[in-house]
PDB file of N, CA and C in Angstrom:
ATOM      1  N   MET A   1    -116.405 219.236 -28.825  1.00  0.00           N
ATOM      2  CA  MET A   1    -116.505 220.456 -28.754  1.00  0.00           C
ATOM      3  C   MET A   1    -118.161 220.302 -28.767  1.00  0.00           C
ATOM      4  N   GLY A   2    -118.861 220.941 -27.478  1.00  0.00           N
ATOM      5  CA  GLY A   2    -120.278 221.533 -27.767  1.00  0.00           C
ATOM      6  C   GLY A   2    -120.671 222.444 -28.777  1.00  0.00           C
ATOM      7  N   ALA A   3    -121.966 222.824 -28.415  1.00  0.00           N
ATOM      8  CA  ALA A   3    -122.655 223.612 -29.457  1.00  0.00           C
ATOM      9  C   ALA A   3    -122.409 224.831 -28.361  1.00  0.00           C
ATOM     10  N   THR A   4    -122.288 226.025 -29.391  1.00  0.00           N
ATOM     11  CA  THR A   4    -122.233 227.189 -28.881  1.00  0.00           C
ATOM     12  C   THR A   4    -123.663 227.656 -28.294  1.00  0.00           C
ATOM     13  N   PRO A   5    -123.902 228.187 -26.876  1.00  0.00           N
ATOM     14  CA  PRO A   5    -124.907 228.618 -26.572  1.00  0.00           C
ATOM     15  C   PRO A   5    -125.486 229.838 -27.681  1.00  0.00           C
ATOM     16  N   GLN A   6    -126.604 230.083 -27.544  1.00  0.00           N
ATOM     17  CA  GLN A   6    -127.311 231.005 -27.920  1.00  0.00           C
ATOM     18  C   GLN A   6    -127.530 232.779 -27.111  1.00  0.00           C
ATOM     19  N   GLY A   7    -126.970 233.568 -27.754  1.00  0.00           N
ATOM     20  CA  GLY A   7    -127.034 234.868 -26.708  1.00  0.00           C
ATOM     21  C   GLY A   7    -128.269 235.016 -26.841  1.00  0.00           C
ATOM     22  N   LYS A   8    -128.454 236.186 -25.808  1.00  0.00           N
ATOM     23  CA  LYS A   8    -129.542 236.514 -25.771  1.00  0.00           C
ATOM     24  C   LYS A   8    -129.678 238.443 -26.111  1.00  0.00           C
ATOM     25  N   ASP A   9    -130.284 239.301 -26.746  1.00  0.00           N
ATOM     26  CA  ASP A   9    -130.706 240.429 -26.676  1.00  0.00           C
ATOM     27  C   ASP A   9    -130.918 241.026 -25.634  1.00  0.00           C
ATOM     28  N   ILE A  10    -130.154 242.342 -25.752  1.00  0.00           N
ATOM     29  CA  ILE A  10    -130.594 243.075 -24.899  1.00  0.00           C
ATOM     30  C   ILE A  10    -131.119 244.280 -24.968  1.00  0.00           C
ATOM     31  N   THR A  11    -132.580 244.739 -24.596  1.00  0.00           N
ATOM     32  CA  THR A  11    -132.933 245.779 -25.365  1.00  0.00           C
ATOM     33  C   THR A  11    -133.005 247.164 -24.073  1.00  0.00           C
ATOM     34  N   ILE A  12    -132.475 248.275 -24.250  1.00  0.00           N
ATOM     35  CA  ILE A  12    -132.521 249.158 -23.270  1.00  0.00           C
ATOM     36  C   ILE A  12    -133.448 250.095 -23.819  1.00  0.00           C
ATOM     37  N   GLU A  13    -134.334 250.778 -23.302  1.00  0.00           N
ATOM     38  CA  GLU A  13    -135.326 251.596 -23.542  1.00  0.00           C
ATOM     39  C   GLU A  13    -135.071 252.780 -22.443  1.00  0.00           C
ATOM     40  N   PHE A  14    -134.566 253.857 -23.392  1.00  0.00           N
ATOM     41  CA  PHE A  14    -133.887 255.444 -22.556  1.00  0.00           C
ATOM     42  C   PHE A  14    -134.462 256.505 -22.911  1.00  0.00           C
ATOM     43  N   ASP A  15    -135.215 257.537 -22.314  1.00  0.00           N
ATOM     44  CA  ASP A  15    -135.719 258.514 -22.387  1.00  0.00           C
ATOM     45  C   ASP A  15    -135.048 259.797 -21.781  1.00  0.00           C
ATOM     46  N   CYS A  16    -134.793 260.946 -22.195  1.00  0.00           N
ATOM     47  CA  CYS A  16    -134.469 261.807 -21.677  1.00  0.00           C
ATOM     48  C   CYS A  16    -134.572 263.436 -22.743  1.00  0.00           C
ATOM     49  N   GLN A  17    -134.915 263.871 -22.031  1.00  0.00           N
ATOM     50  CA  GLN A  17    -135.237 265.333 -22.304  1.00  0.00           C
ATOM     51  C   GLN A  17    -134.097 266.493 -21.775  1.00  0.00           C
ATOM     52  N   PHE A  18    -133.794 267.532 -22.589  1.00  0.00           N
ATOM     53  CA  PHE A  18    -132.856 268.436 -22.291  1.00  0.00           C
ATOM     54  C   PHE A  18    -133.627 269.584 -22.677  1.00  0.00           C
ATOM     55  N   ARG A  19    -133.294 270.930 -21.819  1.00  0.00           N
ATOM     56  CA  ARG A  19    -133.764 271.809 -22.917  1.00  0.00           C
ATOM     57  C   ARG A  19    -132.460 273.058 -22.641  1.00  0.00           C
ATOM     58  N   VAL A  20    -131.831 273.559 -24.274  1.00  0.00           N
ATOM     59  CA  VAL A  20    -130.504 274.059 -24.046  1.00  0.00           C
ATOM     60  C   VAL A  20    -131.077 275.471 -24.665  1.00  0.00           C
ATOM     61  N   GLY A  21    -130.538 276.682 -24.221  1.00  0.00           N
ATOM     62  CA  GLY A  21    -130.087 278.026 -24.675  1.00  0.00           C
ATOM     63  C   GLY A  21    -129.180 278.012 -25.452  1.00  0.00           C
ATOM     64  N   LEU A  22    -129.342 278.451 -26.927  1.00  0.00           N
ATOM     65  CA  LEU A  22    -128.501 278.934 -27.498  1.00  0.00           C
ATOM     66  C   LEU A  22    -128.243 280.275 -27.740  1.00  0.00           C
ATOM     67  N   SER A  23    -127.428 280.955 -27.595  1.00  0.00           N
ATOM     68  CA  SER A  23    -126.847 281.994 -28.109  1.00  0.00           C
ATOM     69  C   SER A  23    -127.072 282.075 -29.817  1.00  0.00           C
ATOM     70  N   SER A  24    -126.997 281.089 -30.442  1.00  0.00           N
ATOM     71  CA  SER A  24    -127.196 281.392 -31.823  1.00  0.00           C
ATOM     72  C   SER A  24    -127.013 279.906 -32.496  1.00  0.00           C
ATOM     73  N   SER A  25    -127.912 279.773 -33.365  1.00  0.00           N
ATOM     74  CA  SER A  25    -127.966 278.714 -34.404  1.00  0.00           C
ATOM     75  C   SER A  25    -127.400 278.025 -35.282  1.00  0.00           C
ATOM     76  N   ASN A  26    -125.906 278.356 -35.043  1.00  0.00           N
ATOM     77  CA  ASN A  26    -125.268 277.716 -36.201  1.00  0.00           C
ATOM     78  C   ASN A  26    -124.260 276.262 -35.663  1.00  0.00           C
ATOM     79  N   PHE A  27    -123.839 275.635 -36.543  1.00  0.00           N
ATOM     80  CA  PHE A  27    -123.401 274.444 -36.182  1.00  0.00           C
ATOM     81  C   PHE A  27    -122.560 274.116 -35.065  1.00  0.00           C
ATOM     82  N   SER A  28    -121.106 275.317 -34.808  1.00  0.00           N
ATOM     83  CA  SER A  28    -120.395 275.243 -34.051  1.00  0.00           C
ATOM     84  C   SER A  28    -120.993 275.136 -32.920  1.00  0.00           C
ATOM     85  N   SER A  29    -121.859 276.038 -32.404  1.00  0.00           N
ATOM     86  CA  SER A  29    -122.985 276.373 -31.143  1.00  0.00           C
ATOM     87  C   SER A  29    -123.659 275.043 -30.903  1.00  0.00           C
ATOM     88  N   ILE A  30    -124.039 274.547 -31.712  1.00  0.00           N
ATOM     89  CA  ILE A  30    -125.159 273.488 -31.432  1.00  0.00           C
ATOM     90  C   ILE A  30    -124.277 272.206 -30.883  1.00  0.00           C
ATOM     91  N   MET A  31    -123.038 271.961 -31.686  1.00  0.00           N
ATOM     92  CA  MET A  31    -121.868 271.069 -31.269  1.00  0.00           C
ATOM     93  C   MET A  31    -121.310 271.319 -29.963  1.00  0.00           C
ATOM     94  N   ARG A  32    -121.370 272.681 -29.397  1.00  0.00           N
ATOM     95  CA  ARG A  32    -121.000 273.037 -28.261  1.00  0.00           C
ATOM     96  C   ARG A  32    -121.375 271.958 -27.453  1.00  0.00           C
ATOM     97  N   ALA A  33    -122.956 273.123 -27.745  1.00  0.00           N
ATOM     98  CA  ALA A  33    -123.897 272.968 -26.228  1.00  0.00           C
ATOM     99  C   ALA A  33    -123.982 270.778 -26.102  1.00  0.00           C
ATOM    100  N   PHE A  34    -124.064 270.227 -27.437  1.00  0.00           N
ATOM    101  CA  PHE A  34    -124.360 269.179 -27.623  1.00  0.00           C
ATOM    102  C   PHE A  34    -122.958 268.370 -26.504  1.00  0.00           C
ATOM    103  N   LEU A  35    -121.750 269.178 -26.691  1.00  0.00           N
ATOM    104  CA  LEU A  35    -120.724 268.255 -25.997  1.00  0.00           C
ATOM    105  C   LEU A  35    -120.783 268.525 -24.730  1.00  0.00           C
ATOM    106  N   MET A  36    -121.249 269.473 -24.571  1.00  0.00           N
ATOM    107  CA  MET A  36    -121.412 269.959 -22.843  1.00  0.00           C
ATOM    108  C   MET A  36    -122.363 269.168 -22.079  1.00  0.00           C
ATOM    109  N   LEU A  37    -123.695 268.539 -23.251  1.00  0.00           N
ATOM    110  CA  LEU A  37    -124.621 267.578 -22.562  1.00  0.00           C
ATOM    111  C   LEU A  37    -123.965 265.920 -22.380  1.00  0.00           C
ATOM    112  N   LEU A  38    -123.360 265.757 -23.434  1.00  0.00           N
ATOM    113  CA  LEU A  38    -123.073 264.500 -23.382  1.00  0.00           C
ATOM    114  C   LEU A  38    -122.229 264.132 -21.986  1.00  0.00           C
ATOM    115  N   PRO A  39    -121.698 264.151 -21.225  1.00  0.00           N
ATOM    116  CA  PRO A  39    -121.325 263.618 -20.162  1.00  0.00           C
ATOM    117  C   PRO A  39    -123.023 263.227 -19.056  1.00  0.00           C
ATOM    118  N   GLN A  40    -123.366 264.141 -19.088  1.00  0.00           N
ATOM    119  CA  GLN A  40    -124.674 263.939 -18.376  1.00  0.00           C
ATOM    120  C   GLN A  40    -125.551 263.080 -19.177  1.00  0.00           C
ATOM    121  N   LEU A  41    -125.701 262.971 -20.324  1.00  0.00           N
ATOM    122  CA  LEU A  41    -126.549 261.932 -20.947  1.00  0.00           C
ATOM    123  C   LEU A  41    -125.652 260.629 -20.755  1.00  0.00           C
ATOM    124  N   LEU A  42    -124.833 260.711 -20.584  1.00  0.00           N
ATOM    125  CA  LEU A  42    -123.889 259.094 -20.432  1.00  0.00           C
ATOM    126  C   LEU A  42    -123.916 258.807 -18.882  1.00  0.00           C
ATOM    127  N   GLU A  43    -124.318 259.518 -18.102  1.00  0.00           N
ATOM    128  CA  GLU A  43    -124.615 259.322 -16.792  1.00  0.00           C
ATOM    129  C   GLU A  43    -125.420 259.206 -16.516  1.00  0.00           C
ATOM    130  N   ASP A  44    -126.817 259.431 -17.316  1.00  0.00           N
ATOM    131  CA  ASP A  44    -128.167 259.446 -17.003  1.00  0.00           C
ATOM    132  C   ASP A  44    -128.071 257.955 -17.643  1.00  0.00           C
ATOM    133  N   PHE A  45    -127.701 257.256 -18.470  1.00  0.00           N
ATOM    134  CA  PHE A  45    -127.564 256.618 -19.278  1.00  0.00           C
ATOM    135  C   PHE A  45    -127.469 255.310 -18.718  1.00  0.00           C
ATOM    136  N   PHE A  46    -125.851 255.433 -17.977  1.00  0.00           N
ATOM    137  CA  PHE A  46    -125.246 254.015 -17.126  1.00  0.00           C
ATOM    138  C   PHE A  46    -126.150 254.243 -15.766  1.00  0.00           C
TER     139      PHE A  46
END
């Protein structure tokens, strides 16, 4: 068997900015807003 090839690390630099209006500052409102933004964040990342 030969030597195992050395893997190369991948570095991804990703900047994003979202502005979200919240009607309340409780945890469930923040999580609901985040979950609504998550698909857009993933789309921008890929």
